[in-house]
Amino acid sequence: MKAKRGDWVKIYNIVLTSEERAPQVPEDTRKVPLESWVKGFIQTDAEIGQSVEVITITGRSVEGELVEIHPAYTHNYGKFVPELLQIGLQARAILAGGEVHE
């Protein structure tokens, strides 16, 4: 897939290699690089995997590897937890001073 100049994209880069990490960082953290994913408007036409420059919403210029075109938000609040539904009903009953379905 190809991104056109001005498209909203996500890029990736390594900010610090594992060797460049600070010595006071925990050992398990120090073993891996510090990575960055940034979204912005691409400045040239490019394909996934190419090195590109983007301008972020705040106006910063950032370079990195193009990893996604038109990225979507993928976070959520997790799976349904039946116990939480019951807690909500019980709390409503307690606060209202009556039965759950009154």
N, C-alpha and C. Protein backbone atom coordinates (compact mmCIF):
# COMPACT_ATOMS: atom_id res chain seq x y z
N MET A 1 0.85 -1.18 0.00
CA MET A 1 0.00 0.00 0.00
C MET A 1 0.90 1.24 0.00
N LYS A 2 0.45 2.26 -0.67
CA LYS A 2 1.23 3.48 -0.80
C LYS A 2 0.53 4.65 -0.13
N ALA A 3 1.31 5.43 0.61
CA ALA A 3 0.80 6.65 1.24
C ALA A 3 1.10 7.83 0.33
N LYS A 4 0.14 8.72 0.26
CA LYS A 4 0.32 9.95 -0.53
C LYS A 4 0.68 11.10 0.41
N ARG A 5 1.42 12.06 -0.10
CA ARG A 5 1.79 13.23 0.68
C ARG A 5 0.54 13.81 1.33
N GLY A 6 0.62 14.08 2.65
CA GLY A 6 -0.51 14.64 3.39
C GLY A 6 -1.36 13.60 4.10
N ASP A 7 -1.18 12.30 3.79
CA ASP A 7 -1.95 11.26 4.48
C ASP A 7 -1.56 11.18 5.95
N TRP A 8 -2.50 10.77 6.79
CA TRP A 8 -2.27 10.53 8.21
C TRP A 8 -1.68 9.13 8.33
N VAL A 9 -0.48 9.04 8.92
CA VAL A 9 0.23 7.77 9.00
C VAL A 9 0.85 7.57 10.37
N LYS A 10 1.34 6.35 10.59
CA LYS A 10 2.09 6.05 11.82
C LYS A 10 3.48 5.59 11.41
N ILE A 11 4.50 6.14 12.12
CA ILE A 11 5.88 5.75 11.86
C ILE A 11 6.49 5.14 13.12
N TYR A 12 7.58 4.43 12.92
CA TYR A 12 8.29 3.75 14.01
C TYR A 12 9.76 4.11 13.94
N ASN A 13 10.37 4.28 15.10
CA ASN A 13 11.83 4.40 15.13
C ASN A 13 12.36 3.97 16.49
N ILE A 14 13.64 3.68 16.52
CA ILE A 14 14.32 3.34 17.76
C ILE A 14 14.98 4.60 18.29
N VAL A 15 14.55 5.02 19.47
CA VAL A 15 15.08 6.24 20.08
C VAL A 15 16.46 5.97 20.68
N LEU A 16 16.57 4.87 21.42
CA LEU A 16 17.84 4.46 22.02
C LEU A 16 18.00 2.95 21.84
N THR A 17 19.18 2.53 21.43
CA THR A 17 19.45 1.10 21.38
C THR A 17 19.64 0.60 22.80
N SER A 18 19.66 -0.71 22.97
CA SER A 18 19.83 -1.25 24.33
C SER A 18 21.17 -0.82 24.93
N GLU A 19 22.19 -0.65 24.10
CA GLU A 19 23.50 -0.21 24.58
C GLU A 19 23.50 1.25 25.03
N GLU A 20 22.59 2.04 24.51
CA GLU A 20 22.52 3.47 24.84
C GLU A 20 21.63 3.76 26.05
N ARG A 21 20.92 2.76 26.56
CA ARG A 21 20.03 2.98 27.68
C ARG A 21 20.81 3.37 28.93
N ALA A 22 20.20 4.17 29.79
CA ALA A 22 20.85 4.66 31.01
C ALA A 22 21.14 3.50 31.97
N PRO A 23 22.26 3.58 32.68
CA PRO A 23 22.61 2.49 33.59
C PRO A 23 21.65 2.30 34.76
N GLN A 24 20.92 3.34 35.15
CA GLN A 24 20.00 3.22 36.27
C GLN A 24 18.65 2.60 35.88
N VAL A 25 18.46 2.34 34.59
CA VAL A 25 17.23 1.69 34.13
C VAL A 25 17.27 0.23 34.57
N PRO A 26 16.13 -0.34 35.00
CA PRO A 26 16.13 -1.75 35.41
C PRO A 26 16.71 -2.66 34.32
N GLU A 27 17.36 -3.73 34.74
CA GLU A 27 18.08 -4.60 33.81
C GLU A 27 17.19 -5.15 32.69
N ASP A 28 15.98 -5.60 33.01
CA ASP A 28 15.13 -6.15 31.97
C ASP A 28 14.73 -5.08 30.95
N THR A 29 14.60 -3.85 31.38
CA THR A 29 14.30 -2.74 30.48
C THR A 29 15.51 -2.38 29.64
N ARG A 30 16.67 -2.40 30.24
CA ARG A 30 17.91 -2.05 29.56
C ARG A 30 18.24 -3.01 28.42
N LYS A 31 17.71 -4.22 28.47
CA LYS A 31 18.00 -5.23 27.45
C LYS A 31 17.33 -4.96 26.11
N VAL A 32 16.33 -4.10 26.10
CA VAL A 32 15.59 -3.83 24.86
C VAL A 32 15.71 -2.37 24.47
N PRO A 33 15.57 -2.06 23.20
CA PRO A 33 15.66 -0.65 22.78
C PRO A 33 14.44 0.15 23.22
N LEU A 34 14.62 1.46 23.32
CA LEU A 34 13.51 2.38 23.57
C LEU A 34 12.91 2.70 22.21
N GLU A 35 11.65 2.32 22.01
CA GLU A 35 11.01 2.46 20.72
C GLU A 35 9.97 3.58 20.75
N SER A 36 9.67 4.11 19.56
CA SER A 36 8.72 5.20 19.45
C SER A 36 7.81 4.97 18.24
N TRP A 37 6.51 5.19 18.45
CA TRP A 37 5.54 5.18 17.37
C TRP A 37 4.89 6.56 17.38
N VAL A 38 4.88 7.22 16.23
CA VAL A 38 4.38 8.58 16.14
C VAL A 38 3.41 8.67 14.96
N LYS A 39 2.32 9.41 15.15
CA LYS A 39 1.36 9.64 14.07
C LYS A 39 1.53 11.07 13.56
N GLY A 40 1.35 11.23 12.25
CA GLY A 40 1.46 12.55 11.67
C GLY A 40 1.13 12.54 10.19
N PHE A 41 1.29 13.70 9.58
CA PHE A 41 1.02 13.86 8.15
C PHE A 41 2.32 13.62 7.38
N ILE A 42 2.31 12.63 6.49
CA ILE A 42 3.50 12.27 5.73
C ILE A 42 3.85 13.38 4.74
N GLN A 43 5.13 13.63 4.55
CA GLN A 43 5.58 14.74 3.72
C GLN A 43 5.92 14.36 2.29
N THR A 44 6.02 13.06 1.99
CA THR A 44 6.29 12.59 0.63
C THR A 44 5.52 11.30 0.39
N ASP A 45 5.25 10.99 -0.86
CA ASP A 45 4.65 9.70 -1.18
C ASP A 45 5.63 8.60 -0.77
N ALA A 46 5.13 7.50 -0.22
CA ALA A 46 6.01 6.42 0.23
C ALA A 46 5.21 5.14 0.41
N GLU A 47 5.94 4.04 0.53
CA GLU A 47 5.33 2.74 0.79
C GLU A 47 5.73 2.25 2.16
N ILE A 48 4.93 1.33 2.71
CA ILE A 48 5.22 0.74 4.01
C ILE A 48 6.67 0.24 4.02
N GLY A 49 7.38 0.53 5.11
CA GLY A 49 8.76 0.10 5.26
C GLY A 49 9.79 1.15 4.88
N GLN A 50 9.38 2.18 4.16
CA GLN A 50 10.32 3.22 3.77
C GLN A 50 10.52 4.23 4.90
N SER A 51 11.67 4.88 4.88
CA SER A 51 11.96 5.94 5.84
C SER A 51 11.30 7.22 5.36
N VAL A 52 10.53 7.85 6.26
CA VAL A 52 9.76 9.05 5.88
C VAL A 52 9.83 10.10 6.96
N GLU A 53 9.35 11.28 6.63
CA GLU A 53 9.21 12.37 7.59
C GLU A 53 7.72 12.67 7.74
N VAL A 54 7.29 12.90 8.98
CA VAL A 54 5.91 13.32 9.22
C VAL A 54 5.92 14.60 10.03
N ILE A 55 4.84 15.34 9.91
CA ILE A 55 4.60 16.51 10.75
C ILE A 55 3.44 16.15 11.66
N THR A 56 3.67 16.21 12.97
CA THR A 56 2.64 15.83 13.94
C THR A 56 1.60 16.93 14.07
N ILE A 57 0.54 16.62 14.77
CA ILE A 57 -0.52 17.61 15.04
C ILE A 57 0.06 18.84 15.74
N THR A 58 1.07 18.64 16.58
CA THR A 58 1.67 19.77 17.30
C THR A 58 2.75 20.48 16.50
N GLY A 59 2.99 20.04 15.25
CA GLY A 59 3.94 20.73 14.39
C GLY A 59 5.36 20.20 14.42
N ARG A 60 5.61 19.13 15.20
CA ARG A 60 6.96 18.54 15.23
C ARG A 60 7.24 17.79 13.95
N SER A 61 8.48 17.83 13.51
CA SER A 61 8.93 17.03 12.38
C SER A 61 9.65 15.81 12.93
N VAL A 62 9.20 14.61 12.53
CA VAL A 62 9.76 13.37 13.05
C VAL A 62 10.02 12.44 11.88
N GLU A 63 11.16 11.75 11.91
CA GLU A 63 11.49 10.78 10.88
C GLU A 63 11.41 9.37 11.43
N GLY A 64 11.02 8.42 10.59
CA GLY A 64 10.95 7.04 10.99
C GLY A 64 10.48 6.16 9.85
N GLU A 65 10.30 4.88 10.16
CA GLU A 65 9.86 3.90 9.17
C GLU A 65 8.34 3.91 9.10
N LEU A 66 7.80 4.04 7.91
CA LEU A 66 6.36 4.03 7.71
C LEU A 66 5.82 2.63 8.02
N VAL A 67 4.90 2.55 9.01
CA VAL A 67 4.37 1.25 9.41
C VAL A 67 2.86 1.12 9.19
N GLU A 68 2.14 2.23 9.09
CA GLU A 68 0.70 2.14 8.91
C GLU A 68 0.16 3.40 8.24
N ILE A 69 -0.79 3.21 7.34
CA ILE A 69 -1.44 4.32 6.65
C ILE A 69 -2.87 4.41 7.19
N HIS A 70 -3.30 5.61 7.53
CA HIS A 70 -4.62 5.85 8.12
C HIS A 70 -4.82 4.97 9.36
N PRO A 71 -3.95 5.10 10.38
CA PRO A 71 -4.07 4.26 11.57
C PRO A 71 -5.36 4.56 12.34
N ALA A 72 -5.93 3.50 12.88
CA ALA A 72 -7.17 3.64 13.66
C ALA A 72 -6.84 3.50 15.14
N TYR A 73 -7.70 4.03 15.98
CA TYR A 73 -7.55 3.83 17.41
C TYR A 73 -8.05 2.42 17.72
N THR A 74 -7.26 1.66 18.47
CA THR A 74 -7.62 0.26 18.73
C THR A 74 -7.78 -0.04 20.21
N HIS A 75 -7.71 0.97 21.07
CA HIS A 75 -7.86 0.70 22.50
C HIS A 75 -9.33 0.48 22.84
N ASN A 76 -9.55 -0.23 23.95
CA ASN A 76 -10.90 -0.44 24.43
C ASN A 76 -10.85 -0.62 25.94
N TYR A 77 -11.95 -0.96 26.54
CA TYR A 77 -11.99 -1.11 27.98
C TYR A 77 -12.00 -2.58 28.40
N GLY A 78 -11.59 -3.45 27.51
CA GLY A 78 -11.48 -4.87 27.84
C GLY A 78 -12.77 -5.63 27.62
N LYS A 79 -12.74 -6.89 28.01
CA LYS A 79 -13.88 -7.78 27.84
C LYS A 79 -14.94 -7.52 28.91
N PHE A 80 -16.14 -7.93 28.60
CA PHE A 80 -17.26 -7.80 29.51
C PHE A 80 -16.98 -8.60 30.79
N VAL A 81 -17.26 -7.98 31.95
CA VAL A 81 -17.06 -8.63 33.24
C VAL A 81 -18.42 -8.66 33.94
N PRO A 82 -19.08 -9.84 33.96
CA PRO A 82 -20.43 -9.92 34.54
C PRO A 82 -20.50 -9.44 35.99
N GLU A 83 -19.46 -9.68 36.76
CA GLU A 83 -19.46 -9.27 38.16
C GLU A 83 -19.58 -7.76 38.30
N LEU A 84 -18.99 -7.02 37.38
CA LEU A 84 -19.09 -5.55 37.45
C LEU A 84 -20.50 -5.08 37.18
N LEU A 85 -21.21 -5.76 36.33
CA LEU A 85 -22.60 -5.41 36.07
C LEU A 85 -23.42 -5.58 37.35
N GLN A 86 -23.22 -6.68 38.04
CA GLN A 86 -23.94 -6.93 39.29
C GLN A 86 -23.59 -5.90 40.36
N ILE A 87 -22.31 -5.54 40.43
CA ILE A 87 -21.88 -4.53 41.40
C ILE A 87 -22.59 -3.21 41.12
N GLY A 88 -22.70 -2.85 39.84
CA GLY A 88 -23.39 -1.62 39.48
C GLY A 88 -24.84 -1.63 39.90
N LEU A 89 -25.51 -2.77 39.68
CA LEU A 89 -26.91 -2.87 40.08
C LEU A 89 -27.06 -2.80 41.60
N GLN A 90 -26.16 -3.47 42.32
CA GLN A 90 -26.21 -3.45 43.78
C GLN A 90 -25.94 -2.04 44.31
N ALA A 91 -25.00 -1.36 43.73
CA ALA A 91 -24.68 0.01 44.17
C ALA A 91 -25.87 0.93 43.94
N ARG A 92 -26.53 0.78 42.81
CA ARG A 92 -27.70 1.62 42.53
C ARG A 92 -28.79 1.37 43.56
N ALA A 93 -29.01 0.10 43.91
CA ALA A 93 -30.04 -0.23 44.90
C ALA A 93 -29.70 0.35 46.26
N ILE A 94 -28.44 0.25 46.64
CA ILE A 94 -28.02 0.78 47.95
C ILE A 94 -28.19 2.30 47.99
N LEU A 95 -27.76 2.97 46.94
CA LEU A 95 -27.83 4.43 46.91
C LEU A 95 -29.27 4.94 46.81
N ALA A 96 -30.13 4.19 46.14
CA ALA A 96 -31.52 4.60 45.98
C ALA A 96 -32.35 4.21 47.19
N GLY A 97 -31.83 3.31 48.00
CA GLY A 97 -32.54 2.89 49.21
C GLY A 97 -33.68 1.92 48.93
N GLY A 98 -33.63 1.25 47.80
CA GLY A 98 -34.71 0.31 47.48
C GLY A 98 -34.19 -0.89 46.72
N GLU A 99 -35.11 -1.57 46.08
CA GLU A 99 -34.75 -2.76 45.31
C GLU A 99 -34.10 -2.36 44.00
N VAL A 100 -33.42 -3.33 43.41
CA VAL A 100 -32.69 -3.10 42.16
C VAL A 100 -33.61 -2.64 41.05
N HIS A 101 -34.82 -3.21 40.93
CA HIS A 101 -35.68 -2.91 39.79
C HIS A 101 -36.84 -1.99 40.11
N GLU A 102 -36.75 -1.23 41.16
CA GLU A 102 -37.83 -0.29 41.51
C GLU A 102 -37.83 0.91 40.63
